[in-house]
Amino acid sequence: MHIDGFSWAKILCLMCLGVLPTALRGQPLPDTLTFDRTRELLRAHNPQLRAAGAREKAQGQAARARALFPNPALSVSEERTNLEGDGVDDQWYLSVTQPLRYPGEHSARTAAARATARAAEARTQEVAAKLYRTVRRRYLDVVVAERRRTINRHFAEAIREGARAARVRVQEGDLGTFQQARIQAAQAQYEDGLAEAKRALRTARTDLYALLHPGSSQKAPADTAALPEVSVAGTLQYRPVRVSQEAALQRALQRRGQVRAARATLATQRKRLTTARYGRLPNLSVSAGPKTQSLPGSETTFGFTAALNVELPIWNGGQTNVDARRNRRSEAQARLEAARRQVRTDVRTAIEDLRSYRSRIETVSQDVLADTDSLLQNAQYVYQEGDITLFELLDAIESARSAALLRTRLTARYLRALYDLEYALGVGPTDSPVVIEGALTPRNADFK
């Protein structure tokens, strides 16, 4: 049987359609999780992002609803008057009443609605930026936890080897029971450190999984043992990033969602104050409609009614509402200033932390600890040759482990300072990076 090219294409399409839904219904987290995939899962499944988006839409829609022009009112009434003798004067009125707004009042309400929508959007962006920093931190926590587990496993194996050698030397009479007890205590400490590193890795994976997994279509596992054994792609990297504080402050005050929301809220309160001032004027409405009148012995006659209705502001002149709105405006001004101060503090703190960890990495990790990578191997060799004692070997092992953990800790905190800086600048999951690509790759450029 001959199958032409077009038929082969249809068969391949059907196969893809059959396989794709199964793949999509599978585990949302692959065995090796890249940060790009992490960002996609955050945007697709995180309930806090969904809640923020729904709140933004609700607040914008409610603001637009309040700004709509008032609806007209339709009324039907009958007036019956008994006449002398027999007969009734029957009159019917159909009236449409339309409330009016003063020139400028409707535009003020519309502008207030638009500003409210901008404030809601900016608050959503602030939530997204905060969650983006959180997912970066948790992604880094998994990387660091895997690195710490590897380090502790390496040195635990070294201690195990030393303990086995110590038992042999005790049997041969070359090592006393005191020295054997000392290395056994060291082995217990390192085994506990390895167990703690494994626990920290499970916790880091659990925290990352909580941000990313779908909630409705796929329930989270009941226990942590059922969580997927997710590894993350990439390793800890250091690249010097230098940031101009003036440029960072300028960008943060323009782009940060917290400041933009406070600025839009102030615009909203200003327009609402304008609307409240219109409220001191009498409310106006017009009404009009047809009228019919039926008298005994005569045909029904048709007429027309029209009226201009003016509210009498006797009990409520509107000044109290104006005063309240003026205080709301003052509150919004103060909150804007507080938001600016907070953003300036966030930027300065992040830059100071960044400079501190950059300096410590370059002086401590790269200079002072430059020749400590082979410390463990050298110590084991000279111990086997009998040039150092057991206690010197244990001290060398602990020094090598502390140096490796110190490098990891400094690099991790340097990356966290970069996350804090980008959060202070208002960078979210849909924005272009400023000082760091993804979670682990600092940009090798100055931010000016």
Protein backbone atom coordinates (compact mmCIF):
# COMPACT_ATOMS: atom_id res chain seq x y z
CA MET A 1 0.00 0.00 0.00
CA HIS A 2 1.40 3.39 -0.99
CA ILE A 3 1.03 6.37 1.35
CA ASP A 4 1.77 9.75 -0.12
CA GLY A 5 3.43 12.65 1.69
CA PHE A 6 0.18 14.38 2.56
CA SER A 7 -1.18 11.23 4.22
CA TRP A 8 2.02 10.84 6.24
CA ALA A 9 1.61 14.43 7.43
CA LYS A 10 -1.96 13.74 8.59
CA ILE A 11 -0.84 10.60 10.43
CA LEU A 12 1.94 12.50 12.22
CA CYS A 13 -0.50 15.26 13.22
CA LEU A 14 -2.93 12.71 14.68
CA MET A 15 -0.10 11.08 16.63
CA CYS A 16 0.98 14.44 18.03
CA LEU A 17 -2.58 15.29 19.03
CA GLY A 18 -2.84 11.97 20.84
CA VAL A 19 0.44 12.32 22.70
CA LEU A 20 0.31 16.03 23.60
CA PRO A 21 -2.63 15.95 26.06
CA THR A 22 -0.98 13.07 27.93
CA ALA A 23 2.23 15.07 28.21
CA LEU A 24 0.37 18.11 29.43
CA ARG A 25 -1.46 16.05 32.04
CA GLY A 26 1.84 14.74 33.42
CA GLN A 27 4.01 16.10 36.17
CA PRO A 28 4.28 19.88 35.70
CA LEU A 29 7.81 19.95 37.08
CA PRO A 30 10.42 18.15 34.95
CA ASP A 31 13.33 16.31 36.53
CA THR A 32 15.64 19.23 35.72
CA LEU A 33 13.91 22.57 36.10
CA THR A 34 15.24 25.57 34.21
CA PHE A 35 14.47 29.02 35.47
CA ASP A 36 12.59 29.93 32.29
CA ARG A 37 10.27 27.01 32.96
CA THR A 38 10.02 28.11 36.59
CA ARG A 39 8.88 31.56 35.53
CA GLU A 40 6.25 30.08 33.20
CA LEU A 41 4.89 27.84 35.96
CA LEU A 42 4.77 30.77 38.37
CA ARG A 43 2.70 32.84 35.95
CA ALA A 44 0.43 29.92 35.11
CA HIS A 45 -0.25 28.36 38.51
CA ASN A 46 0.53 30.73 41.38
CA PRO A 47 -2.71 31.56 43.26
CA GLN A 48 -1.41 34.85 44.62
CA LEU A 49 -0.84 36.11 41.09
CA ARG A 50 -4.32 34.98 40.07
CA ALA A 51 -5.84 36.67 43.12
CA ALA A 52 -3.98 39.91 42.38
CA GLY A 53 -5.12 39.85 38.74
CA ALA A 54 -8.74 39.23 39.74
CA ARG A 55 -8.60 42.00 42.33
CA GLU A 56 -7.19 44.38 39.74
CA LYS A 57 -10.04 43.64 37.34
CA ALA A 58 -12.66 43.92 40.09
CA GLN A 59 -11.38 47.29 41.32
CA GLY A 60 -11.16 48.68 37.79
CA GLN A 61 -14.66 47.51 36.91
CA ALA A 62 -16.11 48.86 40.16
CA ALA A 63 -14.46 52.24 39.51
CA ARG A 64 -15.84 52.38 35.96
CA ALA A 65 -19.29 51.43 37.27
CA ARG A 66 -19.25 54.36 39.71
CA ALA A 67 -18.27 56.73 36.90
CA LEU A 68 -21.08 55.76 34.52
CA PHE A 69 -23.73 58.36 33.76
CA PRO A 70 -26.78 57.88 36.04
CA ASN A 71 -29.66 55.88 34.66
CA PRO A 72 -33.03 57.52 33.92
CA ALA A 73 -36.09 56.59 35.96
CA LEU A 74 -39.43 55.67 34.41
CA SER A 75 -42.63 56.33 36.35
CA VAL A 76 -46.31 55.80 35.60
CA SER A 77 -49.00 57.49 37.71
CA GLU A 78 -52.75 57.90 37.66
CA GLU A 79 -54.78 60.78 39.07
CA ARG A 80 -58.53 60.20 39.59
CA THR A 81 -60.87 62.98 40.66
CA ASN A 82 -64.55 62.33 41.40
CA LEU A 83 -66.72 64.98 39.77
CA GLU A 84 -70.06 66.32 41.07
CA GLY A 85 -72.71 63.97 40.02
CA ASP A 86 -71.61 60.98 38.06
CA GLY A 87 -68.26 60.75 36.45
CA VAL A 88 -64.53 60.71 37.12
CA ASP A 89 -61.74 62.90 35.84
CA ASP A 90 -59.12 60.23 34.99
CA GLN A 91 -55.58 61.41 34.17
CA TRP A 92 -52.54 59.21 33.35
CA TYR A 93 -48.92 60.37 33.40
CA LEU A 94 -45.90 58.62 31.88
CA SER A 95 -42.69 60.35 32.88
CA VAL A 96 -38.96 59.76 32.30
CA THR A 97 -36.64 61.46 34.81
CA GLN A 98 -32.96 61.91 33.95
CA PRO A 99 -30.48 63.10 36.61
CA LEU A 100 -28.00 65.68 35.31
CA ARG A 101 -24.38 66.38 36.09
CA TYR A 102 -22.64 69.71 35.98
CA PRO A 103 -20.05 70.41 33.28
CA GLY A 104 -16.75 68.93 34.49
CA GLU A 105 -18.33 66.63 37.07
CA HIS A 106 -18.64 63.64 34.75
CA SER A 107 -15.10 64.10 33.41
CA ALA A 108 -13.79 64.22 37.00
CA ARG A 109 -15.57 60.96 37.81
CA THR A 110 -14.20 59.34 34.65
CA ALA A 111 -10.66 60.51 35.41
CA ALA A 112 -10.97 59.14 38.96
CA ALA A 113 -12.04 55.77 37.56
CA ARG A 114 -9.06 55.65 35.21
CA ALA A 115 -6.67 56.56 38.03
CA THR A 116 -8.20 53.86 40.25
CA ALA A 117 -7.64 51.30 37.49
CA ARG A 118 -4.01 52.43 37.15
CA ALA A 119 -3.51 52.06 40.90
CA ALA A 120 -4.97 48.54 40.84
CA GLU A 121 -2.70 47.59 37.94
CA ALA A 122 0.36 48.97 39.73
CA ARG A 123 -0.50 47.04 42.90
CA THR A 124 -0.73 43.87 40.83
CA GLN A 125 2.70 44.59 39.37
CA GLU A 126 4.07 45.10 42.88
CA VAL A 127 2.69 41.70 43.93
CA ALA A 128 4.16 40.11 40.78
CA ALA A 129 7.59 41.66 41.44
CA LYS A 130 7.54 40.45 45.05
CA LEU A 131 6.57 36.93 43.97
CA TYR A 132 9.25 37.01 41.28
CA ARG A 133 11.86 37.79 43.90
CA THR A 134 10.45 35.00 46.07
CA VAL A 135 10.63 32.41 43.30
CA ARG A 136 14.19 33.50 42.50
CA ARG A 137 15.14 33.07 46.15
CA ARG A 138 13.54 29.63 46.37
CA TYR A 139 15.14 28.55 43.12
CA LEU A 140 18.49 29.70 44.53
CA ASP A 141 17.72 27.90 47.80
CA VAL A 142 17.46 24.62 45.89
CA VAL A 143 20.75 25.31 44.10
CA VAL A 144 22.49 26.17 47.36
CA ALA A 145 20.97 23.19 49.14
CA GLU A 146 22.19 20.84 46.40
CA ARG A 147 25.63 22.42 46.60
CA ARG A 148 25.75 22.11 50.40
CA ARG A 149 24.62 18.49 50.20
CA THR A 150 27.42 17.75 47.72
CA ILE A 151 29.99 19.47 49.95
CA ASN A 152 28.85 17.71 53.11
CA ARG A 153 28.69 14.36 51.32
CA HIS A 154 32.25 14.80 50.04
CA PHE A 155 33.66 15.57 53.48
CA ALA A 156 31.52 12.93 55.18
CA GLU A 157 33.05 10.35 52.85
CA ALA A 158 36.51 11.66 53.76
CA ILE A 159 35.74 11.25 57.48
CA ARG A 160 34.37 7.74 56.87
CA GLU A 161 37.59 6.79 55.13
CA GLY A 162 39.59 8.24 58.01
CA ALA A 163 37.46 6.34 60.53
CA ARG A 164 38.01 3.06 58.69
CA ALA A 165 41.74 3.69 58.62
CA ALA A 166 41.68 4.57 62.33
CA ARG A 167 40.00 1.27 63.22
CA VAL A 168 42.71 -0.63 61.33
CA ARG A 169 45.48 1.32 63.05
CA VAL A 170 43.88 0.71 66.47
CA GLN A 171 43.91 -3.01 65.78
CA GLU A 172 47.56 -2.74 64.74
CA GLY A 173 48.41 -0.74 67.86
CA ASP A 174 49.45 2.41 65.98
CA LEU A 175 46.52 4.49 67.31
CA GLY A 176 45.11 4.89 70.77
CA THR A 177 41.49 4.60 71.83
CA PHE A 178 41.39 8.35 72.57
CA GLN A 179 42.27 9.19 68.96
CA GLN A 180 39.70 6.65 67.74
CA ALA A 181 36.99 8.23 69.91
CA ARG A 182 37.92 11.66 68.55
CA ILE A 183 37.53 10.64 64.92
CA GLN A 184 34.28 8.83 65.74
CA ALA A 185 32.92 12.05 67.24
CA ALA A 186 34.02 13.92 64.12
CA GLN A 187 32.30 11.30 61.94
CA ALA A 188 29.04 11.72 63.89
CA GLN A 189 29.23 15.49 63.40
CA TYR A 190 29.80 15.19 59.67
CA GLU A 191 27.09 12.55 59.24
CA ASP A 192 24.67 14.86 61.04
CA GLY A 193 25.75 17.73 58.80
CA LEU A 194 25.03 15.61 55.74
CA ALA A 195 21.60 14.64 57.10
CA GLU A 196 20.83 18.30 57.80
CA ALA A 197 21.88 19.23 54.26
CA LYS A 198 19.52 16.59 52.86
CA ARG A 199 16.69 17.91 55.05
CA ALA A 200 17.36 21.48 53.89
CA LEU A 201 17.26 20.31 50.27
CA ARG A 202 13.88 18.63 50.78
CA THR A 203 12.55 21.80 52.41
CA ALA A 204 13.86 23.98 49.57
CA ARG A 205 12.24 21.74 46.98
CA THR A 206 8.96 21.78 48.90
CA ASP A 207 8.95 25.59 49.13
CA LEU A 208 9.68 25.93 45.40
CA TYR A 209 7.03 23.35 44.51
CA ALA A 210 4.42 25.25 46.55
CA LEU A 211 4.82 28.28 44.29
CA LEU A 212 4.60 26.39 41.00
CA HIS A 213 2.30 23.40 41.10
CA PRO A 214 -1.30 23.62 39.81
CA GLY A 215 -3.85 23.65 42.60
CA SER A 216 -7.17 22.70 41.05
CA SER A 217 -6.30 20.20 38.34
CA GLN A 218 -3.62 18.39 40.33
CA LYS A 219 -3.48 18.17 44.09
CA ALA A 220 -0.21 18.58 45.90
CA PRO A 221 1.19 15.42 47.47
CA ALA A 222 0.08 14.80 51.03
CA ASP A 223 3.60 14.23 52.31
CA THR A 224 6.99 15.57 51.35
CA ALA A 225 8.23 12.11 50.48
CA ALA A 226 5.86 12.13 47.48
CA LEU A 227 7.24 15.40 46.13
CA PRO A 228 9.09 15.16 42.83
CA GLU A 229 12.87 14.94 43.07
CA VAL A 230 13.40 18.16 41.16
CA SER A 231 16.87 19.36 40.33
CA VAL A 232 17.53 22.85 39.04
CA ALA A 233 19.69 23.78 36.09
CA GLY A 234 22.79 25.91 36.43
CA THR A 235 25.42 26.53 39.06
CA LEU A 236 26.33 29.41 41.31
CA GLN A 237 28.09 32.11 39.31
CA TYR A 238 29.84 35.31 40.26
CA ARG A 239 30.20 38.25 37.94
CA PRO A 240 30.92 41.75 39.21
CA VAL A 241 27.95 44.07 38.78
CA ARG A 242 28.37 47.76 39.50
CA VAL A 243 25.29 49.91 39.88
CA SER A 244 24.91 53.67 39.87
CA GLN A 245 22.78 54.55 42.88
CA GLU A 246 21.44 57.69 41.18
CA ALA A 247 20.32 55.76 38.08
CA ALA A 248 18.80 53.02 40.22
CA LEU A 249 16.84 55.50 42.33
CA GLN A 250 15.55 57.28 39.23
CA ARG A 251 14.34 54.04 37.67
CA ALA A 252 12.82 52.76 40.90
CA LEU A 253 10.81 55.94 41.50
CA GLN A 254 9.44 55.68 37.96
CA ARG A 255 8.86 51.94 37.61
CA ARG A 256 8.24 50.51 41.07
CA GLY A 257 4.64 49.36 41.43
CA GLN A 258 4.36 50.62 45.01
CA VAL A 259 5.18 54.20 43.95
CA ARG A 260 3.03 54.06 40.83
CA ALA A 261 0.07 52.80 42.85
CA ALA A 262 0.50 55.58 45.43
CA ARG A 263 0.82 58.17 42.66
CA ALA A 264 -2.36 56.92 40.94
CA THR A 265 -4.21 56.83 44.27
CA LEU A 266 -3.31 60.48 44.84
CA ALA A 267 -4.68 61.33 41.39
CA THR A 268 -7.86 59.43 42.27
CA GLN A 269 -8.36 61.36 45.51
CA ARG A 270 -7.78 64.67 43.75
CA LYS A 271 -10.48 63.92 41.21
CA ARG A 272 -12.84 62.68 43.91
CA LEU A 273 -12.29 65.92 45.78
CA THR A 274 -13.32 67.76 42.62
CA THR A 275 -16.42 65.57 42.41
CA ALA A 276 -17.22 66.28 46.07
CA ARG A 277 -17.02 70.02 45.43
CA TYR A 278 -19.65 69.63 42.71
CA GLY A 279 -21.72 67.86 45.37
CA ARG A 280 -22.16 71.17 47.22
CA LEU A 281 -24.32 72.37 44.31
CA PRO A 282 -27.98 71.30 44.10
CA ASN A 283 -28.64 68.10 42.22
CA LEU A 284 -30.52 68.66 38.97
CA SER A 285 -32.78 66.40 36.96
CA VAL A 286 -35.25 66.82 34.12
CA SER A 287 -38.44 64.87 33.58
CA ALA A 288 -40.83 64.73 30.68
CA GLY A 289 -43.52 62.49 29.25
CA PRO A 290 -47.01 62.20 27.74
CA LYS A 291 -50.27 62.73 29.61
CA THR A 292 -53.83 61.57 28.94
CA GLN A 293 -57.07 62.91 30.41
CA SER A 294 -60.54 61.35 30.21
CA LEU A 295 -63.65 63.35 31.16
CA PRO A 296 -67.24 62.07 31.18
CA GLY A 297 -68.98 62.70 27.87
CA SER A 298 -65.84 63.72 26.03
CA GLU A 299 -63.06 62.04 24.14
CA THR A 300 -59.71 61.29 25.72
CA THR A 301 -57.27 64.16 25.27
CA PHE A 302 -53.50 63.91 25.09
CA GLY A 303 -50.94 66.31 26.51
CA PHE A 304 -47.31 66.60 27.57
CA THR A 305 -45.53 67.33 30.83
CA ALA A 306 -42.00 68.64 31.41
CA ALA A 307 -40.18 69.65 34.61
CA LEU A 308 -36.81 70.72 35.93
CA ASN A 309 -36.15 69.33 39.41
CA VAL A 310 -33.75 71.13 41.73
CA GLU A 311 -32.59 69.60 45.02
CA LEU A 312 -32.90 71.78 48.10
CA PRO A 313 -29.66 71.33 50.10
CA ILE A 314 -31.23 72.13 53.48
CA TRP A 315 -29.97 69.33 55.73
CA ASN A 316 -26.82 68.33 53.83
CA GLY A 317 -24.86 71.02 52.01
CA GLY A 318 -22.05 68.69 50.96
CA GLN A 319 -19.27 70.45 52.90
CA THR A 320 -18.72 67.48 55.21
CA ASN A 321 -18.05 65.22 52.24
CA VAL A 322 -15.64 67.82 50.81
CA ASP A 323 -13.73 67.93 54.09
CA ALA A 324 -13.54 64.13 54.18
CA ARG A 325 -12.23 64.00 50.61
CA ARG A 326 -9.67 66.68 51.36
CA ASN A 327 -8.36 64.55 54.22
CA ARG A 328 -8.29 61.51 51.91
CA ARG A 329 -6.16 63.54 49.52
CA SER A 330 -3.78 64.48 52.33
CA GLU A 331 -3.55 60.83 53.32
CA ALA A 332 -2.75 59.85 49.71
CA GLN A 333 -0.03 62.51 49.55
CA ALA A 334 1.53 61.18 52.76
CA ARG A 335 1.35 57.59 51.51
CA LEU A 336 3.07 58.59 48.28
CA GLU A 337 5.90 60.19 50.23
CA ALA A 338 6.13 57.09 52.45
CA ALA A 339 6.28 54.86 49.35
CA ARG A 340 9.08 56.98 47.87
CA ARG A 341 11.04 56.78 51.10
CA GLN A 342 10.59 53.03 51.28
CA VAL A 343 11.72 52.55 47.67
CA ARG A 344 14.79 54.74 48.24
CA THR A 345 15.62 52.66 51.31
CA ASP A 346 15.17 49.40 49.37
CA VAL A 347 17.48 50.58 46.58
CA ARG A 348 20.19 51.88 48.90
CA THR A 349 20.11 48.77 51.10
CA ALA A 350 20.32 46.44 48.09
CA ILE A 351 23.23 48.40 46.59
CA GLU A 352 25.09 48.45 49.91
CA ASP A 353 24.60 44.69 50.31
CA LEU A 354 25.68 44.15 46.71
CA ARG A 355 28.89 46.13 47.21
CA SER A 356 29.63 44.39 50.49
CA TYR A 357 29.28 40.85 49.12
CA ARG A 358 31.11 41.75 45.91
CA SER A 359 34.05 43.04 47.93
CA ARG A 360 34.03 40.01 50.24
CA ILE A 361 33.92 37.56 47.35
CA GLU A 362 36.80 39.29 45.58
CA THR A 363 38.97 39.59 48.70
CA VAL A 364 38.06 36.50 50.72
CA SER A 365 36.82 33.90 48.27
CA GLN A 366 39.02 34.73 45.29
CA ASP A 367 42.20 35.91 47.05
CA VAL A 368 42.48 34.47 50.56
CA LEU A 369 40.88 31.12 49.68
CA ALA A 370 42.45 30.85 46.24
CA ASP A 371 44.72 27.90 47.12
CA THR A 372 42.40 25.92 49.41
CA ASP A 373 40.69 23.72 46.81
CA SER A 374 43.27 20.95 47.22
CA LEU A 375 43.51 21.27 51.00
CA LEU A 376 41.60 18.06 51.73
CA GLN A 377 43.50 15.95 49.22
CA ASN A 378 46.87 17.28 50.40
CA ALA A 379 45.98 16.73 54.05
CA GLN A 380 44.97 13.11 53.40
CA TYR A 381 48.20 12.48 51.53
CA VAL A 382 50.54 13.92 54.15
CA TYR A 383 48.59 12.14 56.91
CA GLN A 384 49.12 8.81 55.15
CA GLU A 385 52.82 9.68 54.93
CA GLY A 386 52.87 10.33 58.67
CA ASP A 387 53.80 14.00 58.42
CA ILE A 388 50.77 15.29 60.38
CA THR A 389 48.82 13.97 63.32
CA LEU A 390 45.17 12.88 63.37
CA PHE A 391 44.10 16.12 65.01
CA GLU A 392 45.86 18.13 62.31
CA LEU A 393 44.04 16.04 59.69
CA LEU A 394 40.67 16.72 61.30
CA ASP A 395 41.48 20.41 61.52
CA ALA A 396 42.44 20.48 57.82
CA ILE A 397 39.23 18.68 56.84
CA GLU A 398 37.09 21.12 58.82
CA SER A 399 38.97 24.10 57.37
CA ALA A 400 38.46 22.82 53.82
CA ARG A 401 34.74 22.24 54.45
CA SER A 402 34.31 25.70 56.01
CA ALA A 403 36.07 27.31 53.04
CA ALA A 404 33.80 25.53 50.54
CA LEU A 405 30.66 26.48 52.49
CA LEU A 406 31.89 30.07 52.83
CA ARG A 407 32.26 30.41 49.06
CA THR A 408 28.76 29.05 48.59
CA ARG A 409 27.29 31.35 51.21
CA LEU A 410 28.94 34.51 49.87
CA THR A 411 27.87 33.79 46.27
CA ALA A 412 24.32 33.01 47.35
CA ARG A 413 24.00 36.23 49.33
CA TYR A 414 25.48 38.19 46.44
CA LEU A 415 22.77 36.79 44.17
CA ARG A 416 20.10 37.56 46.78
CA ALA A 417 21.31 41.16 46.85
CA LEU A 418 20.84 41.25 43.06
CA TYR A 419 17.29 39.92 43.50
CA ASP A 420 16.57 42.60 46.10
CA LEU A 421 17.91 45.28 43.78
CA GLU A 422 15.76 44.18 40.86
CA TYR A 423 12.71 44.01 43.14
CA ALA A 424 13.49 47.54 44.32
CA LEU A 425 13.60 48.57 40.64
CA GLY A 426 10.17 47.03 40.02
CA VAL A 427 11.31 44.11 37.84
CA GLY A 428 8.65 41.38 37.56
CA PRO A 429 8.27 38.08 35.70
CA THR A 430 7.29 39.82 32.44
CA ASP A 431 9.97 42.53 32.52
CA SER A 432 13.42 42.55 30.98
CA PRO A 433 16.26 41.88 33.45
CA VAL A 434 18.37 44.78 34.64
CA VAL A 435 21.27 43.30 36.62
CA ILE A 436 20.69 39.53 36.55
CA GLU A 437 19.46 37.05 33.96
CA GLY A 438 17.02 34.53 35.38
CA ALA A 439 18.16 33.44 38.82
CA LEU A 440 21.84 32.56 38.66
CA THR A 441 23.55 34.62 35.96
CA PRO A 442 24.57 38.18 36.87
CA ARG A 443 24.85 40.52 33.91
CA ASN A 444 28.46 41.46 33.28
CA ALA A 445 27.74 45.12 32.77
CA ASP A 446 27.46 48.34 34.72
CA PHE A 447 24.03 49.81 35.36
CA LYS A 448 24.27 53.54 34.84
